[in-house]
């Protein structure tokens, strides 16, 4: 709305400056409901997650009533992990998704493989956990140590979803859970996901999304804007960060538009699955 007001007030002389490209990417320069310069968003988001890192998983339990665990289980089931895979989990600093993938791989090996072969595949399986925030990664490393996960299977990488440090066509799978709405340029993150995946590699994104059921939407909006920030203030002592998280969901593209963006990045067989009436959606695509 701010852009429309400016164009009306300043007249047509400024229209060329407001190109279709800038409008297309307007979501990439939002920080919640605020508009910020693109170069500032990364640091602002980093500040948010530095603040919430210690309580991140606890807050996920409280905000979702524990449902985020089932959503992540569903994400991993759609990935179909296998022994010996090379997988990249982006914005997964606390390890929640990576641990599930590794547990699934180990379960498959226990059921189907002999011990001698199992040892060989343990060397080959690599799950890279990439997060731009070192505080989130530190939480994940601590949790991995407490749970006894082998260092050789989980590798922790501080990195940017828009400029990954991995070579082309090196990953069998790519997941990102509750992270892509926080990147500055979603198109760049999708392009990087496509670049690092092998042919046949699967892209999966779990993200808070848009509810279209009228009565449920009203209840969800009330819960989001009134209850979640209050929980953040009570539990984490940080109302502002959770106010941003709620607002960032509303600025994220609707399911159909985001699916189109995934297709535009080159992925085939793009689809999405709404969970809990669209509170969250799992988007998927294949690099063919």
C-alpha atoms as a PDB file:
ATOM      1  CA  UNK A   1       0.000   0.000   0.000  1.00  0.00           C
ATOM      2  CA  UNK A   2       2.883   2.346   0.705  1.00  0.00           C
ATOM      3  CA  UNK A   3       4.096   2.027  -2.880  1.00  0.00           C
ATOM      4  CA  UNK A   4       0.660   2.811  -4.273  1.00  0.00           C
ATOM      5  CA  UNK A   5       0.374   5.929  -2.109  1.00  0.00           C
ATOM      6  CA  UNK A   6       3.771   7.164  -3.214  1.00  0.00           C
ATOM      7  CA  UNK A   7       2.973   6.726  -6.886  1.00  0.00           C
ATOM      8  CA  UNK A   8      -0.300   8.575  -6.540  1.00  0.00           C
ATOM      9  CA  UNK A   9       1.289  11.472  -4.690  1.00  0.00           C
ATOM     10  CA  UNK A  10       4.385  11.887  -6.802  1.00  0.00           C
ATOM     11  CA  UNK A  11       2.816  11.209 -10.172  1.00  0.00           C
ATOM     12  CA  UNK A  12       3.827   9.324 -13.227  1.00  0.00           C
ATOM     13  CA  UNK A  13       7.381  10.678 -13.357  1.00  0.00           C
ATOM     14  CA  UNK A  14       8.401   8.131 -10.733  1.00  0.00           C
ATOM     15  CA  UNK A  15       6.700   5.151 -12.345  1.00  0.00           C
ATOM     16  CA  UNK A  16       9.787   4.054 -14.313  1.00  0.00           C
ATOM     17  CA  UNK A  17      11.683   3.862 -11.031  1.00  0.00           C
ATOM     18  CA  UNK A  18       9.105   1.464  -9.618  1.00  0.00           C
ATOM     19  CA  UNK A  19       9.820  -1.221 -12.173  1.00  0.00           C
ATOM     20  CA  UNK A  20       7.927  -4.470 -12.388  1.00  0.00           C
ATOM     21  CA  UNK A  21      11.040  -6.233 -11.120  1.00  0.00           C
ATOM     22  CA  UNK A  22      11.135  -4.239  -7.916  1.00  0.00           C
ATOM     23  CA  UNK A  23       7.455  -4.914  -7.316  1.00  0.00           C
ATOM     24  CA  UNK A  24       7.945  -8.609  -7.943  1.00  0.00           C
ATOM     25  CA  UNK A  25      10.599  -8.761  -5.279  1.00  0.00           C
ATOM     26  CA  UNK A  26       8.917  -6.474  -2.769  1.00  0.00           C
ATOM     27  CA  UNK A  27       8.508  -9.407  -0.355  1.00  0.00           C
ATOM     28  CA  UNK A  28      12.275  -9.818  -0.313  1.00  0.00           C
ATOM     29  CA  UNK A  29      12.754  -6.395   1.266  1.00  0.00           C
ATOM     30  CA  UNK A  30      10.172  -6.852   4.001  1.00  0.00           C
ATOM     31  CA  UNK A  31      11.002  -7.396   7.629  1.00  0.00           C
ATOM     32  CA  UNK A  32       7.658  -8.438   9.013  1.00  0.00           C
ATOM     33  CA  UNK A  33       5.276  -5.644   8.100  1.00  0.00           C
ATOM     34  CA  UNK A  34       8.116  -3.126   7.762  1.00  0.00           C
ATOM     35  CA  UNK A  35       9.927  -2.308   4.546  1.00  0.00           C
ATOM     36  CA  UNK A  36      13.704  -2.343   4.933  1.00  0.00           C
ATOM     37  CA  UNK A  37      16.636  -2.054   2.514  1.00  0.00           C
ATOM     38  CA  UNK A  38      17.518  -5.489   1.172  1.00  0.00           C
ATOM     39  CA  UNK A  39      21.068  -5.263   2.470  1.00  0.00           C
ATOM     40  CA  UNK A  40      19.797  -4.803   6.032  1.00  0.00           C
ATOM     41  CA  UNK A  41      17.348  -7.693   6.230  1.00  0.00           C
ATOM     42  CA  UNK A  42      19.915 -10.455   6.709  1.00  0.00           C
ATOM     43  CA  UNK A  43      21.344  -8.795   9.809  1.00  0.00           C
ATOM     44  CA  UNK A  44      17.908  -8.027  11.214  1.00  0.00           C
ATOM     45  CA  UNK A  45      16.844 -11.664  10.809  1.00  0.00           C
ATOM     46  CA  UNK A  46      20.142 -12.787  12.316  1.00  0.00           C
ATOM     47  CA  UNK A  47      19.443 -10.641  15.370  1.00  0.00           C
ATOM     48  CA  UNK A  48      16.038 -12.285  15.759  1.00  0.00           C
ATOM     49  CA  UNK A  49      17.436 -15.813  15.736  1.00  0.00           C
ATOM     50  CA  UNK A  50      20.368 -14.919  17.965  1.00  0.00           C
ATOM     51  CA  UNK A  51      17.756 -13.784  20.460  1.00  0.00           C
ATOM     52  CA  UNK A  52      15.503 -16.852  20.211  1.00  0.00           C
ATOM     53  CA  UNK A  53      18.117 -19.605  19.671  1.00  0.00           C
ATOM     54  CA  UNK A  54      18.142 -20.985  23.230  1.00  0.00           C
ATOM     55  CA  UNK A  55      14.363 -21.231  23.396  1.00  0.00           C
ATOM     56  CA  UNK A  56      13.686 -21.954  19.730  1.00  0.00           C
ATOM     57  CA  UNK A  57      12.567 -25.582  20.015  1.00  0.00           C
ATOM     58  CA  UNK A  58      10.659 -24.988  23.259  1.00  0.00           C
ATOM     59  CA  UNK A  59       8.795 -22.115  21.622  1.00  0.00           C
ATOM     60  CA  UNK A  60       8.004 -24.304  18.613  1.00  0.00           C
ATOM     61  CA  UNK A  61       6.413 -26.810  20.988  1.00  0.00           C
ATOM     62  CA  UNK A  62       4.401 -24.123  22.758  1.00  0.00           C
ATOM     63  CA  UNK A  63       3.292 -22.259  19.621  1.00  0.00           C
ATOM     64  CA  UNK A  64       2.236 -25.372  17.718  1.00  0.00           C
ATOM     65  CA  UNK A  65       1.072 -27.511  20.629  1.00  0.00           C
ATOM     66  CA  UNK A  66       3.808 -29.968  19.662  1.00  0.00           C
ATOM     67  CA  UNK A  67       2.451 -30.353  16.127  1.00  0.00           C
ATOM     68  CA  UNK A  68       5.711 -29.127  14.575  1.00  0.00           C
ATOM     69  CA  UNK A  69       7.165 -32.529  15.456  1.00  0.00           C
ATOM     70  CA  UNK A  70       4.549 -34.292  13.331  1.00  0.00           C
ATOM     71  CA  UNK A  71       5.018 -31.777  10.505  1.00  0.00           C
ATOM     72  CA  UNK A  72       8.769 -32.452  10.461  1.00  0.00           C
ATOM     73  CA  UNK A  73       8.148 -36.199  10.550  1.00  0.00           C
ATOM     74  CA  UNK A  74       5.932 -35.781   7.496  1.00  0.00           C
ATOM     75  CA  UNK A  75       8.614 -33.718   5.745  1.00  0.00           C
ATOM     76  CA  UNK A  76      11.217 -36.421   6.282  1.00  0.00           C
ATOM     77  CA  UNK A  77       8.842 -39.192   5.193  1.00  0.00           C
ATOM     78  CA  UNK A  78       8.339 -37.382   1.876  1.00  0.00           C
ATOM     79  CA  UNK A  79      12.128 -37.108   1.478  1.00  0.00           C
ATOM     80  CA  UNK A  80      12.563 -40.902   1.604  1.00  0.00           C
ATOM     81  CA  UNK A  81      16.084 -40.864   3.095  1.00  0.00           C
ATOM     82  CA  UNK A  82      18.450 -43.696   2.235  1.00  0.00           C
ATOM     83  CA  UNK A  83      21.834 -44.935   3.488  1.00  0.00           C
ATOM     84  CA  UNK A  84      24.777 -43.286   1.814  1.00  0.00           C
ATOM     85  CA  UNK A  85      22.891 -40.146   0.800  1.00  0.00           C
ATOM     86  CA  UNK A  86      24.356 -36.649   0.757  1.00  0.00           C
ATOM     87  CA  UNK A  87      21.750 -34.293   2.126  1.00  0.00           C
ATOM     88  CA  UNK A  88      21.613 -30.565   2.786  1.00  0.00           C
ATOM     89  CA  UNK A  89      19.320 -29.162   5.460  1.00  0.00           C
ATOM     90  CA  UNK A  90      19.241 -25.366   5.229  1.00  0.00           C
ATOM     91  CA  UNK A  91      18.215 -23.066   8.085  1.00  0.00           C
ATOM     92  CA  UNK A  92      18.227 -26.155  10.291  1.00  0.00           C
ATOM     93  CA  UNK A  93      20.661 -24.995  12.938  1.00  0.00           C
ATOM     94  CA  UNK A  94      19.083 -26.743  15.939  1.00  0.00           C
ATOM     95  CA  UNK A  95      19.221 -30.084  14.125  1.00  0.00           C
ATOM     96  CA  UNK A  96      15.550 -31.026  14.415  1.00  0.00           C
ATOM     97  CA  UNK A  97      15.184 -32.107  10.779  1.00  0.00           C
ATOM     98  CA  UNK A  98      18.726 -33.451  10.394  1.00  0.00           C
ATOM     99  CA  UNK A  99      18.323 -35.740  13.419  1.00  0.00           C
ATOM    100  CA  UNK A 100      15.124 -37.161  11.970  1.00  0.00           C
ATOM    101  CA  UNK A 101      16.819 -37.865   8.639  1.00  0.00           C
ATOM    102  CA  UNK A 102      19.752 -39.588  10.312  1.00  0.00           C
ATOM    103  CA  UNK A 103      17.444 -41.622  12.554  1.00  0.00           C
ATOM    104  CA  UNK A 104      15.529 -42.782   9.475  1.00  0.00           C
ATOM    105  CA  UNK A 105      18.724 -43.761   7.675  1.00  0.00           C
ATOM    106  CA  UNK A 106      19.977 -45.690  10.700  1.00  0.00           C
ATOM    107  CA  UNK A 107      16.613 -47.436  11.050  1.00  0.00           C
ATOM    108  CA  UNK A 108      16.764 -48.573   7.425  1.00  0.00           C
ATOM    109  CA  UNK A 109      20.264 -49.906   7.898  1.00  0.00           C
ATOM    110  CA  UNK A 110      19.354 -51.791  11.053  1.00  0.00           C
ATOM    111  CA  UNK A 111      16.480 -53.491   9.271  1.00  0.00           C
ATOM    112  CA  UNK A 112      18.050 -54.287   5.937  1.00  0.00           C
ATOM    113  CA  UNK A 113      21.844 -54.283   6.022  1.00  0.00           C
ATOM    114  CA  UNK A 114      24.540 -56.493   7.458  1.00  0.00           C
ATOM    115  CA  UNK A 115      26.911 -55.026  10.034  1.00  0.00           C
ATOM    116  CA  UNK A 116      29.970 -54.951   7.773  1.00  0.00           C
ATOM    117  CA  UNK A 117      28.087 -53.085   5.056  1.00  0.00           C
ATOM    118  CA  UNK A 118      26.473 -50.851   7.665  1.00  0.00           C
ATOM    119  CA  UNK A 119      29.870 -49.599   8.803  1.00  0.00           C
ATOM    120  CA  UNK A 120      30.823 -48.725   5.230  1.00  0.00           C
ATOM    121  CA  UNK A 121      27.641 -46.779   4.632  1.00  0.00           C
ATOM    122  CA  UNK A 122      27.976 -44.931   7.919  1.00  0.00           C
ATOM    123  CA  UNK A 123      31.134 -43.412   6.453  1.00  0.00           C
ATOM    124  CA  UNK A 124      29.307 -42.381   3.282  1.00  0.00           C
ATOM    125  CA  UNK A 125      26.138 -40.860   4.705  1.00  0.00           C
ATOM    126  CA  UNK A 126      26.547 -37.108   5.095  1.00  0.00           C
ATOM    127  CA  UNK A 127      23.958 -34.665   6.348  1.00  0.00           C
ATOM    128  CA  UNK A 128      25.048 -31.054   6.117  1.00  0.00           C
ATOM    129  CA  UNK A 129      23.259 -28.660   8.437  1.00  0.00           C
ATOM    130  CA  UNK A 130      23.616 -25.155   7.029  1.00  0.00           C
ATOM    131  CA  UNK A 131      22.496 -22.078   8.942  1.00  0.00           C
ATOM    132  CA  UNK A 132      23.443 -18.413   8.672  1.00  0.00           C
ATOM    133  CA  UNK A 133      23.258 -18.001  12.445  1.00  0.00           C
ATOM    134  CA  UNK A 134      26.111 -19.446  14.547  1.00  0.00           C
ATOM    135  CA  UNK A 135      24.009 -19.367  17.718  1.00  0.00           C
ATOM    136  CA  UNK A 136      21.461 -21.707  16.161  1.00  0.00           C
ATOM    137  CA  UNK A 137      24.259 -24.019  14.989  1.00  0.00           C
ATOM    138  CA  UNK A 138      25.757 -24.089  18.476  1.00  0.00           C
ATOM    139  CA  UNK A 139      22.418 -25.240  19.869  1.00  0.00           C
ATOM    140  CA  UNK A 140      22.319 -28.018  17.272  1.00  0.00           C
ATOM    141  CA  UNK A 141      25.885 -29.147  17.951  1.00  0.00           C
ATOM    142  CA  UNK A 142      25.168 -29.340  21.670  1.00  0.00           C
ATOM    143  CA  UNK A 143      22.007 -31.354  21.083  1.00  0.00           C
ATOM    144  CA  UNK A 144      23.844 -33.735  18.726  1.00  0.00           C
ATOM    145  CA  UNK A 145      26.544 -34.308  21.332  1.00  0.00           C
ATOM    146  CA  UNK A 146      23.972 -34.964  24.052  1.00  0.00           C
ATOM    147  CA  UNK A 147      22.196 -37.509  21.842  1.00  0.00           C
ATOM    148  CA  UNK A 148      25.376 -39.301  20.826  1.00  0.00           C
ATOM    149  CA  UNK A 149      25.155 -38.685  17.078  1.00  0.00           C
ATOM    150  CA  UNK A 150      28.410 -39.476  15.226  1.00  0.00           C
ATOM    151  CA  UNK A 151      30.435 -36.459  14.126  1.00  0.00           C
ATOM    152  CA  UNK A 152      31.185 -38.036  10.735  1.00  0.00           C
ATOM    153  CA  UNK A 153      27.511 -38.148   9.723  1.00  0.00           C
ATOM    154  CA  UNK A 154      26.451 -34.628  10.738  1.00  0.00           C
ATOM    155  CA  UNK A 155      28.418 -31.666   9.454  1.00  0.00           C
ATOM    156  CA  UNK A 156      27.614 -28.141  10.650  1.00  0.00           C
ATOM    157  CA  UNK A 157      28.154 -25.308   8.194  1.00  0.00           C
ATOM    158  CA  UNK A 158      27.665 -21.594   8.757  1.00  0.00           C
ATOM    159  CA  UNK A 159      26.378 -20.333   5.422  1.00  0.00           C
ATOM    160  CA  UNK A 160      23.859 -18.301   3.465  1.00  0.00           C
ATOM    161  CA  UNK A 161      20.938 -19.972   1.658  1.00  0.00           C
ATOM    162  CA  UNK A 162      21.369 -17.454  -1.162  1.00  0.00           C
ATOM    163  CA  UNK A 163      25.061 -18.276  -1.711  1.00  0.00           C
ATOM    164  CA  UNK A 164      25.758 -21.864  -0.686  1.00  0.00           C
ATOM    165  CA  UNK A 165      29.357 -23.035  -0.389  1.00  0.00           C
ATOM    166  CA  UNK A 166      28.646 -26.449  -1.941  1.00  0.00           C
ATOM    167  CA  UNK A 167      29.567 -27.501  -5.479  1.00  0.00           C
ATOM    168  CA  UNK A 168      27.059 -28.055  -8.263  1.00  0.00           C
ATOM    169  CA  UNK A 169      25.079 -31.303  -8.360  1.00  0.00           C
ATOM    170  CA  UNK A 170      26.432 -32.748  -5.117  1.00  0.00           C
ATOM    171  CA  UNK A 171      23.332 -33.324  -2.977  1.00  0.00           C
ATOM    172  CA  UNK A 172      20.709 -36.064  -3.120  1.00  0.00           C
ATOM    173  CA  UNK A 173      18.235 -34.007  -1.133  1.00  0.00           C
ATOM    174  CA  UNK A 174      17.568 -30.488   0.132  1.00  0.00           C
ATOM    175  CA  UNK A 175      15.246 -29.527   2.976  1.00  0.00           C
ATOM    176  CA  UNK A 176      14.409 -26.201   4.555  1.00  0.00           C
ATOM    177  CA  UNK A 177      11.923 -25.977   7.436  1.00  0.00           C
ATOM    178  CA  UNK A 178      10.517 -22.656   8.631  1.00  0.00           C
ATOM    179  CA  UNK A 179      13.429 -20.828   7.043  1.00  0.00           C
ATOM    180  CA  UNK A 180      12.817 -19.734   3.486  1.00  0.00           C
ATOM    181  CA  UNK A 181      10.454 -16.903   4.405  1.00  0.00           C
ATOM    182  CA  UNK A 182      13.353 -15.309   6.300  1.00  0.00           C
ATOM    183  CA  UNK A 183      15.777 -15.077   3.372  1.00  0.00           C
ATOM    184  CA  UNK A 184      16.145 -11.750   1.612  1.00  0.00           C
ATOM    185  CA  UNK A 185      15.682 -13.059  -1.934  1.00  0.00           C
ATOM    186  CA  UNK A 186      13.616 -16.239  -2.113  1.00  0.00           C
ATOM    187  CA  UNK A 187      14.402 -16.657  -5.818  1.00  0.00           C
ATOM    188  CA  UNK A 188      18.140 -16.820  -5.093  1.00  0.00           C
ATOM    189  CA  UNK A 189      17.644 -19.436  -2.393  1.00  0.00           C
ATOM    190  CA  UNK A 190      15.575 -21.569  -4.766  1.00  0.00           C
ATOM    191  CA  UNK A 191      18.176 -21.181  -7.516  1.00  0.00           C
ATOM    192  CA  UNK A 192      20.897 -22.324  -5.122  1.00  0.00           C
ATOM    193  CA  UNK A 193      18.823 -25.310  -4.056  1.00  0.00           C
ATOM    194  CA  UNK A 194      18.443 -26.311  -7.693  1.00  0.00           C
ATOM    195  CA  UNK A 195      22.159 -25.804  -8.356  1.00  0.00           C
ATOM    196  CA  UNK A 196      23.470 -28.038  -5.570  1.00  0.00           C
ATOM    197  CA  UNK A 197      21.024 -30.902  -6.148  1.00  0.00           C
ATOM    198  CA  UNK A 198      21.905 -33.855  -8.333  1.00  0.00           C
ATOM    199  CA  UNK A 199      19.619 -34.929 -11.151  1.00  0.00           C
ATOM    200  CA  UNK A 200      16.799 -36.761  -9.441  1.00  0.00           C
ATOM    201  CA  UNK A 201      17.392 -34.825  -6.232  1.00  0.00           C
ATOM    202  CA  UNK A 202      14.381 -33.746  -4.207  1.00  0.00           C
ATOM    203  CA  UNK A 203      13.630 -30.276  -2.872  1.00  0.00           C
ATOM    204  CA  UNK A 204      11.344 -30.077   0.167  1.00  0.00           C
ATOM    205  CA  UNK A 205      10.212 -26.999   2.030  1.00  0.00           C
ATOM    206  CA  UNK A 206       8.124 -26.938   5.206  1.00  0.00           C
ATOM    207  CA  UNK A 207       6.780 -23.460   5.854  1.00  0.00           C
ATOM    208  CA  UNK A 208       4.060 -21.662   7.757  1.00  0.00           C
ATOM    209  CA  UNK A 209       1.549 -20.657   5.138  1.00  0.00           C
ATOM    210  CA  UNK A 210      -1.880 -19.165   4.465  1.00  0.00           C
ATOM    211  CA  UNK A 211      -5.234 -20.303   5.857  1.00  0.00           C
ATOM    212  CA  UNK A 212      -8.217 -19.755   3.556  1.00  0.00           C
ATOM    213  CA  UNK A 213     -11.020 -21.247   5.661  1.00  0.00           C
ATOM    214  CA  UNK A 214     -12.917 -18.106   6.816  1.00  0.00           C
ATOM    215  CA  UNK A 215     -13.787 -18.869  10.469  1.00  0.00           C
ATOM    216  CA  UNK A 216     -10.565 -20.794  11.061  1.00  0.00           C
ATOM    217  CA  UNK A 217      -8.578 -17.944   9.517  1.00  0.00           C
ATOM    218  CA  UNK A 218     -10.057 -15.451  11.970  1.00  0.00           C
ATOM    219  CA  UNK A 219      -9.204 -17.683  14.931  1.00  0.00           C
ATOM    220  CA  UNK A 220      -5.714 -18.316  13.552  1.00  0.00           C
ATOM    221  CA  UNK A 221      -5.093 -14.589  13.047  1.00  0.00           C
ATOM    222  CA  UNK A 222      -6.170 -13.865  16.605  1.00  0.00           C
ATOM    223  CA  UNK A 223      -3.923 -16.618  17.949  1.00  0.00           C
ATOM    224  CA  UNK A 224      -0.985 -15.468  15.806  1.00  0.00           C
ATOM    225  CA  UNK A 225      -1.058 -11.779  16.647  1.00  0.00           C
ATOM    226  CA  UNK A 226      -2.342 -11.892  20.226  1.00  0.00           C
ATOM    227  CA  UNK A 227      -1.161 -15.157  21.750  1.00  0.00           C
ATOM    228  CA  UNK A 228       2.168 -16.002  20.093  1.00  0.00           C
ATOM    229  CA  UNK A 229       3.928 -12.671  20.872  1.00  0.00           C
ATOM    230  CA  UNK A 230       2.633 -12.921  24.438  1.00  0.00           C
ATOM    231  CA  UNK A 231       4.090 -16.433  24.783  1.00  0.00           C
ATOM    232  CA  UNK A 232       7.365 -15.133  23.363  1.00  0.00           C
ATOM    233  CA  UNK A 233       7.455 -12.396  25.968  1.00  0.00           C
ATOM    234  CA  UNK A 234       6.572 -14.746  28.816  1.00  0.00           C
ATOM    235  CA  UNK A 235       8.871 -17.661  27.929  1.00  0.00           C
ATOM    236  CA  UNK A 236      11.726 -16.091  25.972  1.00  0.00           C
ATOM    237  CA  UNK A 237      11.494 -12.512  27.231  1.00  0.00           C
ATOM    238  CA  UNK A 238      11.288 -11.363  23.623  1.00  0.00           C
ATOM    239  CA  UNK A 239       7.950 -10.192  22.279  1.00  0.00           C
ATOM    240  CA  UNK A 240       9.415  -8.322  19.307  1.00  0.00           C
ATOM    241  CA  UNK A 241      11.102 -11.326  17.695  1.00  0.00           C
ATOM    242  CA  UNK A 242       7.899 -13.378  17.774  1.00  0.00           C
ATOM    243  CA  UNK A 243       5.882 -10.430  16.495  1.00  0.00           C
ATOM    244  CA  UNK A 244       8.265 -10.419  13.515  1.00  0.00           C
ATOM    245  CA  UNK A 245       7.897 -14.173  13.022  1.00  0.00           C
ATOM    246  CA  UNK A 246       4.103 -13.854  12.870  1.00  0.00           C
ATOM    247  CA  UNK A 247       4.266 -10.912  10.484  1.00  0.00           C
ATOM    248  CA  UNK A 248       6.789 -12.684   8.245  1.00  0.00           C
ATOM    249  CA  UNK A 249       4.279 -15.494   7.675  1.00  0.00           C
ATOM    250  CA  UNK A 250       1.701 -13.022   6.367  1.00  0.00           C
ATOM    251  CA  UNK A 251       4.265 -11.535   3.961  1.00  0.00           C
ATOM    252  CA  UNK A 252       5.250 -14.937   2.588  1.00  0.00           C
ATOM    253  CA  UNK A 253       3.746 -15.812  -0.833  1.00  0.00           C
ATOM    254  CA  UNK A 254       0.542 -17.907  -0.833  1.00  0.00           C
ATOM    255  CA  UNK A 255       0.874 -21.588  -1.647  1.00  0.00           C
ATOM    256  CA  UNK A 256       0.108 -21.338  -5.370  1.00  0.00           C
ATOM    257  CA  UNK A 257       2.476 -18.424  -5.903  1.00  0.00           C
ATOM    258  CA  UNK A 258       5.308 -20.095  -4.023  1.00  0.00           C
ATOM    259  CA  UNK A 259       4.766 -23.292  -6.008  1.00  0.00           C
ATOM    260  CA  UNK A 260       5.090 -21.220  -9.192  1.00  0.00           C
ATOM    261  CA  UNK A 261       8.361 -19.771  -7.899  1.00  0.00           C
ATOM    262  CA  UNK A 262       9.696 -23.288  -7.327  1.00  0.00           C
ATOM    263  CA  UNK A 263       8.755 -24.204 -10.904  1.00  0.00           C
ATOM    264  CA  UNK A 264      10.409 -21.032 -12.194  1.00  0.00           C
ATOM    265  CA  UNK A 265      13.634 -22.131 -10.477  1.00  0.00           C
ATOM    266  CA  UNK A 266      13.658 -25.196 -12.756  1.00  0.00           C
ATOM    267  CA  UNK A 267      12.062 -27.871 -10.595  1.00  0.00           C
ATOM    268  CA  UNK A 268       9.648 -30.397 -12.063  1.00  0.00           C
ATOM    269  CA  UNK A 269       6.690 -32.253 -10.520  1.00  0.00           C
ATOM    270  CA  UNK A 270       6.105 -29.357  -8.152  1.00  0.00           C
ATOM    271  CA  UNK A 271       3.330 -29.872  -5.638  1.00  0.00           C
ATOM    272  CA  UNK A 272       2.342 -28.885  -2.135  1.00  0.00           C
ATOM    273  CA  UNK A 273       0.422 -30.420   0.741  1.00  0.00           C
ATOM    274  CA  UNK A 274      -1.534 -28.268   3.174  1.00  0.00           C
ATOM    275  CA  UNK A 275      -1.521 -29.346   6.801  1.00  0.00           C
ATOM    276  CA  UNK A 276      -3.955 -28.111   9.472  1.00  0.00           C
ATOM    277  CA  UNK A 277      -5.985 -26.187   6.918  1.00  0.00           C
ATOM    278  CA  UNK A 278      -2.975 -24.371   5.478  1.00  0.00           C
ATOM    279  CA  UNK A 279      -1.334 -23.306   8.726  1.00  0.00           C
ATOM    280  CA  UNK A 280       1.688 -25.031   7.237  1.00  0.00           C
ATOM    281  CA  UNK A 281       2.431 -26.425   3.799  1.00  0.00           C
ATOM    282  CA  UNK A 282       5.025 -28.845   2.500  1.00  0.00           C
ATOM    283  CA  UNK A 283       6.242 -27.906  -0.981  1.00  0.00           C
ATOM    284  CA  UNK A 284       8.229 -30.325  -3.085  1.00  0.00           C
ATOM    285  CA  UNK A 285       9.948 -30.500  -6.448  1.00  0.00           C
ATOM    286  CA  UNK A 286      12.400 -32.657  -8.375  1.00  0.00           C
ATOM    287  CA  UNK A 287      15.496 -31.723 -10.324  1.00  0.00           C
ATOM    288  CA  UNK A 288      15.166 -33.790 -13.486  1.00  0.00           C
END
